[in-house]
């Protein structure tokens, strides 16, 4: 009787109950590795616990989906039809997070179809790549790149701050200019690359002393900034 029940539960699919359990456990363990790698290598201000949990859920769910579909083309089309009525409106704040979503999808598909080596290798290889890029800070701008923000009194000569910025930077560019309500001051934002010999604190202190300059802010440009 017990064997008949087990056959009835698993007979309509390509996977036995034991295989389903193993596949789901493999997906869960590997998803934890992906989530841990993301948490430890994440940089910037867009970190979200919800996204970490989403990585785990996606990996496991995709594993179940692949087991449900099996070799059935009918189930595949049924799944596409079911997903077409769901609207995903969550905006991914960091473009790198998209890569982790695809990573979780690939591992979930591997675990769900019983391709354990591919799932395990993809997890380990991508984890190593993520850690290497994180440790070497690959792709980051130079440490001397900054966003300079300040208020400028329009009644004074602008040559003062322009000459000072040109003298102490290798290159610079005006990013944003916004007039104040009283039309007497301008809120300016510059992208500047300080010369190697220039001390950041000294630059900021001397720049604040220039006539017509107030509320000076110097922000590191290592991460994406909205200005």
N, C-alpha and C. Protein backbone atom coordinates (compact mmCIF):
# COMPACT_ATOMS: atom_id res chain seq x y z
N UNK A 1 0.83 -1.19 0.00
CA UNK A 1 0.00 0.00 0.00
C UNK A 1 0.87 1.26 0.00
N UNK A 2 1.91 1.25 0.83
CA UNK A 2 2.80 2.40 0.92
C UNK A 2 3.52 2.65 -0.39
N UNK A 3 3.94 1.54 -1.04
CA UNK A 3 4.63 1.68 -2.32
C UNK A 3 3.70 2.22 -3.39
N UNK A 4 2.44 1.84 -3.33
CA UNK A 4 1.47 2.33 -4.29
C UNK A 4 1.26 3.84 -4.14
N UNK A 5 1.22 4.27 -2.88
CA UNK A 5 1.06 5.71 -2.63
C UNK A 5 2.26 6.49 -3.16
N UNK A 6 3.46 5.96 -2.91
CA UNK A 6 4.67 6.63 -3.39
C UNK A 6 4.70 6.68 -4.91
N UNK A 7 4.28 5.57 -5.53
CA UNK A 7 4.25 5.54 -6.99
C UNK A 7 3.24 6.53 -7.54
N UNK A 8 2.10 6.65 -6.84
CA UNK A 8 1.07 7.58 -7.29
C UNK A 8 1.53 9.03 -7.17
N UNK A 9 2.33 9.31 -6.11
CA UNK A 9 2.80 10.67 -5.89
C UNK A 9 3.89 11.06 -6.88
N UNK A 10 4.72 10.11 -7.26
CA UNK A 10 5.86 10.44 -8.10
C UNK A 10 5.76 9.92 -9.52
N UNK A 11 4.74 9.18 -9.82
CA UNK A 11 4.68 8.53 -11.12
C UNK A 11 4.43 9.49 -12.26
N UNK A 12 3.76 10.59 -12.02
CA UNK A 12 3.43 11.51 -13.10
C UNK A 12 4.56 12.46 -13.44
N UNK A 13 5.67 12.36 -12.72
CA UNK A 13 6.81 13.23 -12.97
C UNK A 13 8.04 12.39 -13.30
N UNK A 14 9.09 13.09 -13.76
CA UNK A 14 10.32 12.40 -14.14
C UNK A 14 11.27 12.21 -12.97
N UNK A 15 10.88 12.66 -11.79
CA UNK A 15 11.75 12.60 -10.63
C UNK A 15 11.07 11.84 -9.50
N UNK A 16 11.85 11.03 -8.82
CA UNK A 16 11.33 10.33 -7.65
C UNK A 16 11.30 11.29 -6.48
N UNK A 17 10.65 10.86 -5.41
CA UNK A 17 10.57 11.70 -4.22
C UNK A 17 11.96 11.98 -3.65
N UNK A 18 12.81 10.98 -3.67
CA UNK A 18 14.18 11.15 -3.15
C UNK A 18 14.93 12.17 -3.98
N UNK A 19 14.78 12.09 -5.31
CA UNK A 19 15.45 13.04 -6.19
C UNK A 19 14.94 14.46 -5.98
N UNK A 20 13.65 14.60 -5.77
CA UNK A 20 13.08 15.92 -5.51
C UNK A 20 13.67 16.53 -4.25
N UNK A 21 13.76 15.72 -3.20
CA UNK A 21 14.32 16.20 -1.93
C UNK A 21 15.78 16.59 -2.09
N UNK A 22 16.55 15.73 -2.76
CA UNK A 22 17.98 16.01 -2.95
C UNK A 22 18.18 17.26 -3.79
N UNK A 23 17.43 17.37 -4.88
CA UNK A 23 17.56 18.55 -5.75
C UNK A 23 17.24 19.84 -5.02
N UNK A 24 16.18 19.82 -4.22
CA UNK A 24 15.80 21.03 -3.48
C UNK A 24 16.84 21.38 -2.42
N UNK A 25 17.41 20.36 -1.78
CA UNK A 25 18.45 20.63 -0.76
C UNK A 25 19.71 21.18 -1.40
N UNK A 26 20.08 20.62 -2.56
CA UNK A 26 21.25 21.13 -3.28
C UNK A 26 21.03 22.59 -3.68
N UNK A 27 19.84 22.89 -4.18
CA UNK A 27 19.52 24.27 -4.57
C UNK A 27 19.60 25.20 -3.37
N UNK A 28 19.12 24.74 -2.22
CA UNK A 28 19.14 25.58 -1.02
C UNK A 28 20.57 25.85 -0.55
N UNK A 29 21.40 24.80 -0.49
CA UNK A 29 22.78 24.97 -0.02
C UNK A 29 23.56 25.90 -0.95
N UNK A 30 23.42 25.69 -2.26
CA UNK A 30 24.15 26.53 -3.21
C UNK A 30 23.62 27.96 -3.20
N UNK A 31 22.32 28.13 -2.98
CA UNK A 31 21.77 29.48 -2.90
C UNK A 31 22.31 30.23 -1.69
N UNK A 32 22.58 29.51 -0.61
CA UNK A 32 23.16 30.14 0.57
C UNK A 32 24.58 30.63 0.28
N UNK A 33 25.31 29.88 -0.53
CA UNK A 33 26.67 30.29 -0.92
C UNK A 33 26.60 31.55 -1.77
N UNK A 34 25.66 31.58 -2.71
CA UNK A 34 25.50 32.77 -3.56
C UNK A 34 25.12 33.98 -2.72
N UNK A 35 24.16 33.81 -1.81
CA UNK A 35 23.71 34.91 -0.97
C UNK A 35 24.83 35.41 -0.06
N UNK A 36 25.63 34.48 0.48
CA UNK A 36 26.76 34.87 1.35
C UNK A 36 27.80 35.66 0.55
N UNK A 37 28.08 35.20 -0.67
CA UNK A 37 29.03 35.91 -1.53
C UNK A 37 28.54 37.31 -1.83
N UNK A 38 27.25 37.42 -2.12
CA UNK A 38 26.68 38.75 -2.41
C UNK A 38 26.80 39.66 -1.19
N UNK A 39 26.47 39.14 -0.02
CA UNK A 39 26.48 39.96 1.20
C UNK A 39 27.88 40.44 1.54
N UNK A 40 28.89 39.59 1.33
CA UNK A 40 30.25 39.93 1.72
C UNK A 40 30.97 40.80 0.68
N UNK A 41 30.56 40.70 -0.56
CA UNK A 41 31.27 41.46 -1.61
C UNK A 41 30.50 42.69 -2.07
N UNK A 42 29.33 42.93 -1.48
CA UNK A 42 28.52 44.06 -1.93
C UNK A 42 29.17 45.38 -1.55
N UNK A 43 29.14 46.32 -2.49
CA UNK A 43 29.64 47.67 -2.26
C UNK A 43 28.58 48.67 -2.67
N UNK A 44 28.56 49.80 -2.01
CA UNK A 44 27.57 50.82 -2.34
C UNK A 44 26.49 50.92 -1.29
N UNK A 45 25.45 51.68 -1.60
CA UNK A 45 24.40 51.98 -0.64
C UNK A 45 23.09 51.24 -0.92
N UNK A 46 23.09 50.35 -1.91
CA UNK A 46 21.83 49.72 -2.32
C UNK A 46 21.63 48.33 -1.72
N UNK A 47 22.37 48.01 -0.64
CA UNK A 47 22.23 46.67 -0.04
C UNK A 47 20.84 46.50 0.55
N UNK A 48 20.27 45.31 0.33
CA UNK A 48 18.93 45.02 0.82
C UNK A 48 18.86 43.58 1.29
N UNK A 49 18.39 43.37 2.51
CA UNK A 49 18.19 42.01 3.01
C UNK A 49 17.15 41.28 2.17
N UNK A 50 16.17 42.02 1.71
CA UNK A 50 15.12 41.43 0.87
C UNK A 50 15.71 40.82 -0.39
N UNK A 51 16.70 41.48 -0.99
CA UNK A 51 17.31 40.95 -2.20
C UNK A 51 18.09 39.68 -1.90
N UNK A 52 18.76 39.63 -0.76
CA UNK A 52 19.50 38.43 -0.36
C UNK A 52 18.55 37.24 -0.24
N UNK A 53 17.41 37.47 0.41
CA UNK A 53 16.42 36.40 0.54
C UNK A 53 15.84 36.02 -0.82
N UNK A 54 15.70 37.00 -1.70
CA UNK A 54 15.18 36.74 -3.03
C UNK A 54 16.10 35.80 -3.80
N UNK A 55 17.41 35.97 -3.66
CA UNK A 55 18.38 35.08 -4.31
C UNK A 55 18.15 33.64 -3.89
N UNK A 56 17.96 33.44 -2.58
CA UNK A 56 17.73 32.09 -2.06
C UNK A 56 16.42 31.52 -2.59
N UNK A 57 15.36 32.31 -2.53
CA UNK A 57 14.06 31.83 -2.98
C UNK A 57 14.07 31.50 -4.47
N UNK A 58 14.69 32.37 -5.28
CA UNK A 58 14.70 32.16 -6.73
C UNK A 58 15.40 30.85 -7.08
N UNK A 59 16.56 30.62 -6.45
CA UNK A 59 17.31 29.40 -6.74
C UNK A 59 16.49 28.15 -6.45
N UNK A 60 15.84 28.13 -5.30
CA UNK A 60 15.05 26.96 -4.91
C UNK A 60 13.82 26.82 -5.80
N UNK A 61 13.13 27.92 -6.04
CA UNK A 61 11.90 27.87 -6.84
C UNK A 61 12.19 27.43 -8.27
N UNK A 62 13.27 27.94 -8.86
CA UNK A 62 13.62 27.52 -10.22
C UNK A 62 13.92 26.04 -10.25
N UNK A 63 14.54 25.53 -9.18
CA UNK A 63 14.78 24.09 -9.10
C UNK A 63 13.48 23.31 -9.13
N UNK A 64 12.49 23.75 -8.37
CA UNK A 64 11.18 23.09 -8.39
C UNK A 64 10.51 23.21 -9.76
N UNK A 65 10.62 24.38 -10.36
CA UNK A 65 10.01 24.60 -11.67
C UNK A 65 10.58 23.64 -12.71
N UNK A 66 11.90 23.48 -12.69
CA UNK A 66 12.53 22.59 -13.66
C UNK A 66 12.09 21.15 -13.44
N UNK A 67 11.89 20.77 -12.18
CA UNK A 67 11.43 19.40 -11.91
C UNK A 67 9.99 19.21 -12.34
N UNK A 68 9.17 20.24 -12.17
CA UNK A 68 7.77 20.14 -12.60
C UNK A 68 7.67 20.05 -14.11
N UNK A 69 8.46 20.85 -14.81
CA UNK A 69 8.43 20.84 -16.27
C UNK A 69 8.94 19.52 -16.82
N UNK A 70 10.09 19.08 -16.30
CA UNK A 70 10.68 17.84 -16.80
C UNK A 70 10.92 17.92 -18.29
N UNK A 71 10.48 16.91 -19.02
CA UNK A 71 10.61 16.88 -20.48
C UNK A 71 9.29 17.22 -21.18
N UNK A 72 8.36 17.77 -20.42
CA UNK A 72 7.03 18.04 -20.96
C UNK A 72 6.98 19.43 -21.59
N UNK A 73 6.73 19.46 -22.89
CA UNK A 73 6.60 20.74 -23.58
C UNK A 73 5.31 21.44 -23.17
N UNK A 74 4.29 20.65 -22.87
CA UNK A 74 3.01 21.22 -22.45
C UNK A 74 3.15 21.99 -21.15
N UNK A 75 3.87 21.40 -20.19
CA UNK A 75 4.08 22.09 -18.91
C UNK A 75 4.91 23.35 -19.09
N UNK A 76 5.86 23.32 -20.01
CA UNK A 76 6.69 24.50 -20.26
C UNK A 76 5.85 25.66 -20.77
N UNK A 77 4.97 25.37 -21.73
CA UNK A 77 4.09 26.42 -22.25
C UNK A 77 3.09 26.88 -21.20
N UNK A 78 2.63 25.95 -20.37
CA UNK A 78 1.70 26.32 -19.30
C UNK A 78 2.37 27.26 -18.30
N UNK A 79 3.65 27.01 -18.02
CA UNK A 79 4.39 27.87 -17.10
C UNK A 79 4.56 29.27 -17.68
N UNK A 80 4.88 29.34 -18.97
CA UNK A 80 5.03 30.64 -19.63
C UNK A 80 3.72 31.41 -19.56
N UNK A 81 2.61 30.72 -19.79
CA UNK A 81 1.31 31.38 -19.73
C UNK A 81 0.99 31.87 -18.34
N UNK A 82 1.36 31.08 -17.33
CA UNK A 82 1.09 31.48 -15.94
C UNK A 82 1.92 32.69 -15.54
N UNK A 83 3.18 32.71 -15.96
CA UNK A 83 4.06 33.82 -15.60
C UNK A 83 3.72 35.10 -16.35
N UNK A 84 3.07 34.96 -17.50
CA UNK A 84 2.74 36.14 -18.31
C UNK A 84 1.71 37.04 -17.64
N UNK A 85 0.96 36.51 -16.68
CA UNK A 85 -0.06 37.32 -16.01
C UNK A 85 0.50 38.01 -14.77
N UNK A 86 1.78 37.73 -14.46
CA UNK A 86 2.40 38.34 -13.29
C UNK A 86 3.24 39.53 -13.73
N UNK A 87 3.05 40.64 -13.07
CA UNK A 87 3.80 41.85 -13.40
C UNK A 87 4.89 42.07 -12.36
N UNK A 88 6.12 42.15 -12.82
CA UNK A 88 7.25 42.40 -11.94
C UNK A 88 7.65 43.86 -12.08
N UNK A 89 7.42 44.65 -11.04
CA UNK A 89 7.66 46.09 -11.09
C UNK A 89 8.81 46.53 -10.21
N UNK A 90 9.47 45.61 -9.54
CA UNK A 90 10.57 45.98 -8.67
C UNK A 90 11.77 46.40 -9.51
N UNK A 91 12.30 47.60 -9.23
CA UNK A 91 13.45 48.12 -9.97
C UNK A 91 14.74 47.66 -9.29
N UNK A 92 15.64 47.08 -10.07
CA UNK A 92 16.94 46.67 -9.56
C UNK A 92 17.83 47.91 -9.46
N UNK A 93 18.20 48.30 -8.24
CA UNK A 93 18.94 49.53 -8.03
C UNK A 93 20.38 49.44 -8.54
N UNK A 94 21.00 48.28 -8.34
CA UNK A 94 22.39 48.10 -8.76
C UNK A 94 22.40 47.12 -9.94
N UNK A 95 23.05 47.51 -11.03
CA UNK A 95 23.07 46.65 -12.21
C UNK A 95 23.76 45.32 -11.93
N UNK A 96 24.67 45.31 -10.97
CA UNK A 96 25.36 44.06 -10.62
C UNK A 96 24.39 43.05 -10.02
N UNK A 97 23.32 43.53 -9.39
CA UNK A 97 22.34 42.62 -8.80
C UNK A 97 21.67 41.76 -9.87
N UNK A 98 21.56 42.28 -11.09
CA UNK A 98 20.97 41.50 -12.17
C UNK A 98 21.80 40.25 -12.45
N UNK A 99 23.13 40.38 -12.35
CA UNK A 99 23.99 39.23 -12.58
C UNK A 99 23.74 38.15 -11.53
N UNK A 100 23.49 38.57 -10.29
CA UNK A 100 23.21 37.59 -9.24
C UNK A 100 21.88 36.89 -9.47
N UNK A 101 20.92 37.59 -10.05
CA UNK A 101 19.64 36.96 -10.39
C UNK A 101 19.85 35.86 -11.43
N UNK A 102 20.61 36.17 -12.49
CA UNK A 102 20.89 35.17 -13.51
C UNK A 102 21.72 34.02 -12.94
N UNK A 103 22.62 34.34 -12.04
CA UNK A 103 23.43 33.32 -11.38
C UNK A 103 22.52 32.36 -10.61
N UNK A 104 21.60 32.92 -9.85
CA UNK A 104 20.66 32.09 -9.09
C UNK A 104 19.79 31.25 -10.02
N UNK A 105 19.37 31.83 -11.15
CA UNK A 105 18.56 31.08 -12.12
C UNK A 105 19.33 29.90 -12.68
N UNK A 106 20.59 30.13 -13.05
CA UNK A 106 21.40 29.07 -13.64
C UNK A 106 21.64 27.93 -12.65
N UNK A 107 21.96 28.28 -11.41
CA UNK A 107 22.20 27.26 -10.39
C UNK A 107 20.91 26.51 -10.07
N UNK A 108 19.79 27.22 -9.99
CA UNK A 108 18.51 26.57 -9.74
C UNK A 108 18.15 25.60 -10.85
N UNK A 109 18.40 25.98 -12.09
CA UNK A 109 18.13 25.08 -13.21
C UNK A 109 19.02 23.85 -13.16
N UNK A 110 20.28 24.06 -12.81
CA UNK A 110 21.19 22.92 -12.71
C UNK A 110 20.79 21.96 -11.61
N UNK A 111 20.45 22.51 -10.45
CA UNK A 111 20.04 21.66 -9.33
C UNK A 111 18.72 20.96 -9.62
N UNK A 112 17.80 21.68 -10.23
CA UNK A 112 16.48 21.11 -10.51
C UNK A 112 16.50 19.99 -11.53
N UNK A 113 17.45 20.04 -12.46
CA UNK A 113 17.54 19.00 -13.49
C UNK A 113 18.52 17.90 -13.12
N UNK A 114 19.10 17.98 -11.93
CA UNK A 114 20.02 16.94 -11.48
C UNK A 114 21.43 17.10 -11.99
N UNK A 115 21.74 18.22 -12.61
CA UNK A 115 23.11 18.48 -13.07
C UNK A 115 23.91 19.11 -11.93
N UNK A 116 24.23 18.29 -10.96
CA UNK A 116 24.85 18.79 -9.73
C UNK A 116 26.23 19.38 -9.99
N UNK A 117 26.99 18.75 -10.88
CA UNK A 117 28.35 19.26 -11.12
C UNK A 117 28.29 20.67 -11.69
N UNK A 118 27.41 20.89 -12.69
CA UNK A 118 27.30 22.22 -13.29
C UNK A 118 26.85 23.24 -12.25
N UNK A 119 25.86 22.86 -11.43
CA UNK A 119 25.37 23.78 -10.41
C UNK A 119 26.45 24.10 -9.39
N UNK A 120 27.18 23.07 -8.95
CA UNK A 120 28.24 23.28 -7.96
C UNK A 120 29.40 24.07 -8.55
N UNK A 121 29.80 23.71 -9.77
CA UNK A 121 30.93 24.41 -10.39
C UNK A 121 30.57 25.87 -10.66
N UNK A 122 29.36 26.12 -11.14
CA UNK A 122 28.93 27.50 -11.40
C UNK A 122 28.95 28.33 -10.13
N UNK A 123 28.52 27.72 -9.03
CA UNK A 123 28.51 28.43 -7.75
C UNK A 123 29.92 28.76 -7.28
N UNK A 124 30.80 27.76 -7.30
CA UNK A 124 32.17 27.96 -6.83
C UNK A 124 32.95 28.90 -7.74
N UNK A 125 32.82 28.70 -9.05
CA UNK A 125 33.58 29.52 -9.99
C UNK A 125 33.16 30.98 -9.92
N UNK A 126 31.85 31.23 -9.91
CA UNK A 126 31.36 32.61 -9.85
C UNK A 126 31.67 33.24 -8.50
N UNK A 127 31.67 32.45 -7.43
CA UNK A 127 32.03 32.98 -6.11
C UNK A 127 33.49 33.43 -6.10
N UNK A 128 34.36 32.63 -6.69
CA UNK A 128 35.78 32.99 -6.77
C UNK A 128 35.96 34.26 -7.59
N UNK A 129 35.26 34.34 -8.71
CA UNK A 129 35.34 35.54 -9.56
C UNK A 129 34.87 36.77 -8.79
N UNK A 130 33.75 36.63 -8.06
CA UNK A 130 33.21 37.76 -7.29
C UNK A 130 34.19 38.21 -6.22
N UNK A 131 34.83 37.26 -5.53
CA UNK A 131 35.78 37.60 -4.47
C UNK A 131 37.03 38.25 -5.04
N UNK A 132 37.52 37.77 -6.19
CA UNK A 132 38.71 38.36 -6.81
C UNK A 132 38.44 39.80 -7.22
N UNK A 133 37.31 40.03 -7.87
CA UNK A 133 36.96 41.38 -8.29
C UNK A 133 36.78 42.30 -7.09
N UNK A 134 36.24 41.75 -6.01
CA UNK A 134 36.03 42.54 -4.78
C UNK A 134 37.36 42.89 -4.12
N UNK A 135 38.25 41.91 -4.01
CA UNK A 135 39.52 42.14 -3.33
C UNK A 135 40.40 43.13 -4.07
N UNK A 136 40.43 43.05 -5.39
CA UNK A 136 41.26 43.95 -6.19
C UNK A 136 40.52 45.24 -6.55
N UNK A 137 39.25 45.34 -6.12
CA UNK A 137 38.46 46.55 -6.37
C UNK A 137 38.47 46.91 -7.85
N UNK A 138 38.27 45.87 -8.67
CA UNK A 138 38.38 46.01 -10.11
C UNK A 138 37.34 46.98 -10.66
N UNK A 139 37.78 47.86 -11.56
CA UNK A 139 36.88 48.78 -12.23
C UNK A 139 36.62 50.08 -11.50
N UNK A 140 37.18 50.22 -10.28
CA UNK A 140 36.93 51.43 -9.52
C UNK A 140 37.70 52.60 -10.11
N UNK A 141 37.16 53.79 -9.93
CA UNK A 141 37.87 54.98 -10.37
C UNK A 141 39.06 55.26 -9.46
N UNK A 142 39.94 56.14 -9.91
CA UNK A 142 41.10 56.47 -9.09
C UNK A 142 40.66 57.07 -7.76
N UNK A 143 41.47 56.86 -6.74
CA UNK A 143 41.14 57.36 -5.40
C UNK A 143 41.13 58.88 -5.34
N UNK A 144 41.68 59.53 -6.39
CA UNK A 144 41.73 61.00 -6.39
C UNK A 144 40.53 61.62 -7.10
N UNK A 145 39.56 60.82 -7.51
CA UNK A 145 38.37 61.33 -8.18
C UNK A 145 37.30 61.68 -7.16
N UNK A 146 36.77 62.91 -7.26
CA UNK A 146 35.81 63.39 -6.28
C UNK A 146 34.68 64.16 -6.96
N UNK A 147 33.58 64.29 -6.22
CA UNK A 147 32.49 65.18 -6.58
C UNK A 147 32.57 66.38 -5.65
N UNK A 148 32.75 67.57 -6.22
CA UNK A 148 32.88 68.81 -5.45
C UNK A 148 31.59 69.61 -5.58
N UNK A 149 30.98 69.91 -4.43
CA UNK A 149 29.74 70.69 -4.41
C UNK A 149 29.93 71.94 -3.55
N UNK A 150 29.39 73.05 -4.00
CA UNK A 150 29.52 74.28 -3.22
C UNK A 150 28.55 75.32 -3.74
N UNK A 151 28.32 76.36 -2.91
CA UNK A 151 27.51 77.51 -3.29
C UNK A 151 28.44 78.65 -3.68
N UNK A 152 28.08 79.34 -4.76
CA UNK A 152 28.91 80.44 -5.25
C UNK A 152 28.08 81.71 -5.34
N UNK A 153 28.61 82.79 -4.74
CA UNK A 153 27.96 84.09 -4.77
C UNK A 153 28.21 84.73 -6.13
N UNK A 154 27.14 84.98 -6.89
CA UNK A 154 27.26 85.49 -8.25
C UNK A 154 27.81 86.91 -8.32
N UNK A 155 27.82 87.61 -7.19
CA UNK A 155 28.33 88.99 -7.19
C UNK A 155 29.86 89.03 -7.16
N UNK A 156 30.50 87.90 -6.93
CA UNK A 156 31.96 87.84 -6.89
C UNK A 156 32.49 87.26 -8.20
N UNK A 157 33.79 87.38 -8.38
CA UNK A 157 34.44 86.93 -9.61
C UNK A 157 34.61 85.41 -9.58
N UNK A 158 34.16 84.73 -10.62
CA UNK A 158 34.24 83.27 -10.66
C UNK A 158 35.63 82.77 -11.01
N UNK A 159 36.52 83.66 -11.46
CA UNK A 159 37.88 83.23 -11.82
C UNK A 159 38.62 82.65 -10.61
N UNK A 160 38.22 83.08 -9.40
CA UNK A 160 38.91 82.60 -8.20
C UNK A 160 38.80 81.10 -8.03
N UNK A 161 37.59 80.58 -8.02
CA UNK A 161 37.44 79.14 -7.82
C UNK A 161 37.80 78.35 -9.08
N UNK A 162 37.59 78.93 -10.27
CA UNK A 162 37.94 78.23 -11.51
C UNK A 162 39.44 78.01 -11.60
N UNK A 163 40.21 79.05 -11.32
CA UNK A 163 41.68 78.93 -11.38
C UNK A 163 42.19 77.96 -10.32
N UNK A 164 41.56 77.99 -9.14
CA UNK A 164 42.01 77.10 -8.06
C UNK A 164 41.76 75.64 -8.43
N UNK A 165 40.58 75.35 -8.99
CA UNK A 165 40.26 73.98 -9.38
C UNK A 165 41.20 73.51 -10.49
N UNK A 166 41.43 74.37 -11.48
CA UNK A 166 42.31 73.99 -12.59
C UNK A 166 43.75 73.74 -12.13
N UNK A 167 44.19 74.54 -11.14
CA UNK A 167 45.56 74.42 -10.65
C UNK A 167 45.79 73.12 -9.89
N UNK A 168 44.78 72.63 -9.15
CA UNK A 168 44.95 71.48 -8.27
C UNK A 168 44.36 70.17 -8.82
N UNK A 169 43.87 70.21 -10.05
CA UNK A 169 43.27 68.99 -10.61
C UNK A 169 43.86 68.67 -11.97
N UNK A 170 43.92 67.39 -12.29
CA UNK A 170 44.37 66.96 -13.61
C UNK A 170 43.30 67.25 -14.65
N UNK A 171 42.05 67.03 -14.27
CA UNK A 171 40.93 67.37 -15.14
C UNK A 171 39.69 67.58 -14.28
N UNK A 172 38.75 68.33 -14.81
CA UNK A 172 37.52 68.62 -14.08
C UNK A 172 36.41 68.92 -15.08
N UNK A 173 35.18 68.76 -14.62
CA UNK A 173 34.03 69.02 -15.49
C UNK A 173 32.84 69.46 -14.65
N UNK A 174 32.13 70.45 -15.13
CA UNK A 174 30.93 70.92 -14.46
C UNK A 174 29.78 69.94 -14.74
N UNK A 175 29.21 69.38 -13.67
CA UNK A 175 28.13 68.41 -13.80
C UNK A 175 26.75 69.01 -13.64
N UNK A 176 26.66 70.00 -12.76
CA UNK A 176 25.33 70.51 -12.42
C UNK A 176 25.43 71.96 -11.96
N UNK A 177 24.49 72.77 -12.42
CA UNK A 177 24.42 74.16 -11.99
C UNK A 177 22.96 74.50 -11.70
N UNK A 178 22.70 74.98 -10.49
CA UNK A 178 21.33 75.27 -10.09
C UNK A 178 21.26 76.63 -9.39
N UNK A 179 20.48 77.56 -9.93
CA UNK A 179 20.37 78.88 -9.29
C UNK A 179 19.50 78.81 -8.04
N UNK A 180 19.77 79.71 -7.11
CA UNK A 180 18.97 79.76 -5.88
C UNK A 180 17.69 80.55 -6.11
N UNK A 181 16.82 80.52 -5.12
CA UNK A 181 15.56 81.23 -5.25
C UNK A 181 15.71 82.73 -5.33
N UNK A 182 16.72 83.28 -4.64
CA UNK A 182 16.93 84.73 -4.66
C UNK A 182 17.78 85.18 -5.84
N UNK A 183 18.24 84.22 -6.65
CA UNK A 183 19.03 84.51 -7.86
C UNK A 183 20.34 85.20 -7.53
N UNK A 184 20.85 84.98 -6.31
CA UNK A 184 22.13 85.60 -5.93
C UNK A 184 23.24 84.56 -5.83
N UNK A 185 22.89 83.32 -5.66
CA UNK A 185 23.90 82.27 -5.53
C UNK A 185 23.61 81.14 -6.52
N UNK A 186 24.66 80.38 -6.82
CA UNK A 186 24.55 79.21 -7.68
C UNK A 186 25.02 77.98 -6.90
N UNK A 187 24.32 76.88 -7.08
CA UNK A 187 24.74 75.60 -6.48
C UNK A 187 25.43 74.81 -7.58
N UNK A 188 26.74 74.61 -7.44
CA UNK A 188 27.55 74.00 -8.48
C UNK A 188 28.06 72.63 -8.06
N UNK A 189 28.13 71.74 -9.02
CA UNK A 189 28.68 70.40 -8.79
C UNK A 189 29.71 70.11 -9.86
N UNK A 190 30.94 69.78 -9.41
CA UNK A 190 32.04 69.48 -10.32
C UNK A 190 32.53 68.05 -10.11
N UNK A 191 32.92 67.46 -11.20
CA UNK A 191 33.65 66.19 -11.15
C UNK A 191 35.12 66.52 -11.34
N UNK A 192 35.95 66.24 -10.33
CA UNK A 192 37.36 66.63 -10.40
C UNK A 192 38.26 65.44 -10.07
N UNK A 193 39.42 65.43 -10.70
CA UNK A 193 40.47 64.45 -10.40
C UNK A 193 41.66 65.22 -9.85
N UNK A 194 41.83 65.15 -8.54
CA UNK A 194 42.92 65.89 -7.91
C UNK A 194 44.27 65.33 -8.33
N UNK A 195 45.25 66.21 -8.40
CA UNK A 195 46.60 65.76 -8.68
C UNK A 195 47.11 64.89 -7.53
N UNK A 196 48.02 63.98 -7.85
CA UNK A 196 48.48 63.00 -6.87
C UNK A 196 49.09 63.65 -5.64
N UNK A 197 49.77 64.80 -5.84
CA UNK A 197 50.45 65.44 -4.72
C UNK A 197 49.53 66.31 -3.87
N UNK A 198 48.30 66.49 -4.29
CA UNK A 198 47.36 67.36 -3.57
C UNK A 198 46.72 66.61 -2.42
N UNK A 199 46.77 67.19 -1.24
CA UNK A 199 46.13 66.62 -0.07
C UNK A 199 44.65 67.02 -0.04
N UNK A 200 43.78 66.07 0.14
CA UNK A 200 42.35 66.31 0.08
C UNK A 200 41.91 67.33 1.13
N UNK A 201 42.38 67.17 2.37
CA UNK A 201 41.97 68.06 3.45
C UNK A 201 42.46 69.48 3.24
N UNK A 202 43.69 69.61 2.77
CA UNK A 202 44.23 70.94 2.50
C UNK A 202 43.50 71.61 1.34
N UNK A 203 43.18 70.82 0.33
CA UNK A 203 42.43 71.36 -0.81
C UNK A 203 41.09 71.90 -0.35
N UNK A 204 40.41 71.13 0.47
CA UNK A 204 39.08 71.52 0.94
C UNK A 204 39.15 72.77 1.82
N UNK A 205 40.16 72.83 2.70
CA UNK A 205 40.29 73.97 3.60
C UNK A 205 40.59 75.26 2.84
N UNK A 206 41.51 75.19 1.88
CA UNK A 206 41.87 76.38 1.11
C UNK A 206 40.75 76.80 0.16
N UNK A 207 40.06 75.85 -0.38
CA UNK A 207 38.97 76.17 -1.31
C UNK A 207 37.84 76.90 -0.59
N UNK A 208 37.60 76.52 0.67
CA UNK A 208 36.53 77.15 1.44
C UNK A 208 36.83 78.62 1.75
N UNK A 209 38.11 79.01 1.67
CA UNK A 209 38.51 80.38 1.98
C UNK A 209 38.35 81.32 0.79
N UNK A 210 38.09 80.78 -0.39
CA UNK A 210 37.95 81.62 -1.59
C UNK A 210 36.71 82.49 -1.46
N UNK A 211 36.84 83.75 -1.85
CA UNK A 211 35.74 84.71 -1.73
C UNK A 211 34.53 84.27 -2.58
N UNK A 212 33.36 84.29 -1.97
CA UNK A 212 32.13 83.93 -2.66
C UNK A 212 31.78 82.46 -2.58
N UNK A 213 32.64 81.64 -1.94
CA UNK A 213 32.41 80.19 -1.83
C UNK A 213 31.89 79.86 -0.44
N UNK A 214 30.88 79.01 -0.35
CA UNK A 214 30.34 78.59 0.93
C UNK A 214 29.78 77.17 0.82
N UNK A 215 29.64 76.52 1.98
CA UNK A 215 29.05 75.18 2.09
C UNK A 215 29.70 74.19 1.12
N UNK A 216 31.00 74.08 1.24
CA UNK A 216 31.76 73.20 0.35
C UNK A 216 31.66 71.75 0.84
N UNK A 217 31.39 70.85 -0.10
CA UNK A 217 31.31 69.43 0.20
C UNK A 217 32.13 68.68 -0.83
N UNK A 218 32.99 67.77 -0.37
CA UNK A 218 33.81 66.95 -1.25
C UNK A 218 33.44 65.48 -1.01
N UNK A 219 32.94 64.81 -2.05
CA UNK A 219 32.45 63.44 -1.93
C UNK A 219 33.28 62.53 -2.81
N UNK A 220 33.68 61.38 -2.25
CA UNK A 220 34.41 60.40 -3.04
C UNK A 220 33.54 59.89 -4.18
N UNK A 221 34.13 59.78 -5.36
CA UNK A 221 33.37 59.35 -6.54
C UNK A 221 33.58 57.88 -6.85
N UNK A 222 33.96 57.07 -5.84
CA UNK A 222 34.19 55.64 -6.08
C UNK A 222 32.89 54.92 -6.41
N UNK A 223 31.80 55.38 -5.82
CA UNK A 223 30.51 54.75 -6.06
C UNK A 223 29.63 55.67 -6.88
N UNK A 224 28.58 55.10 -7.43
CA UNK A 224 27.64 55.91 -8.21
C UNK A 224 26.94 56.92 -7.32
N UNK A 225 26.87 58.15 -7.77
CA UNK A 225 26.29 59.21 -6.97
C UNK A 225 25.23 59.94 -7.79
N UNK A 226 24.13 60.26 -7.16
CA UNK A 226 23.11 61.06 -7.82
C UNK A 226 23.32 62.51 -7.47
N UNK A 227 23.44 63.36 -8.49
CA UNK A 227 23.72 64.77 -8.22
C UNK A 227 22.76 65.66 -8.99
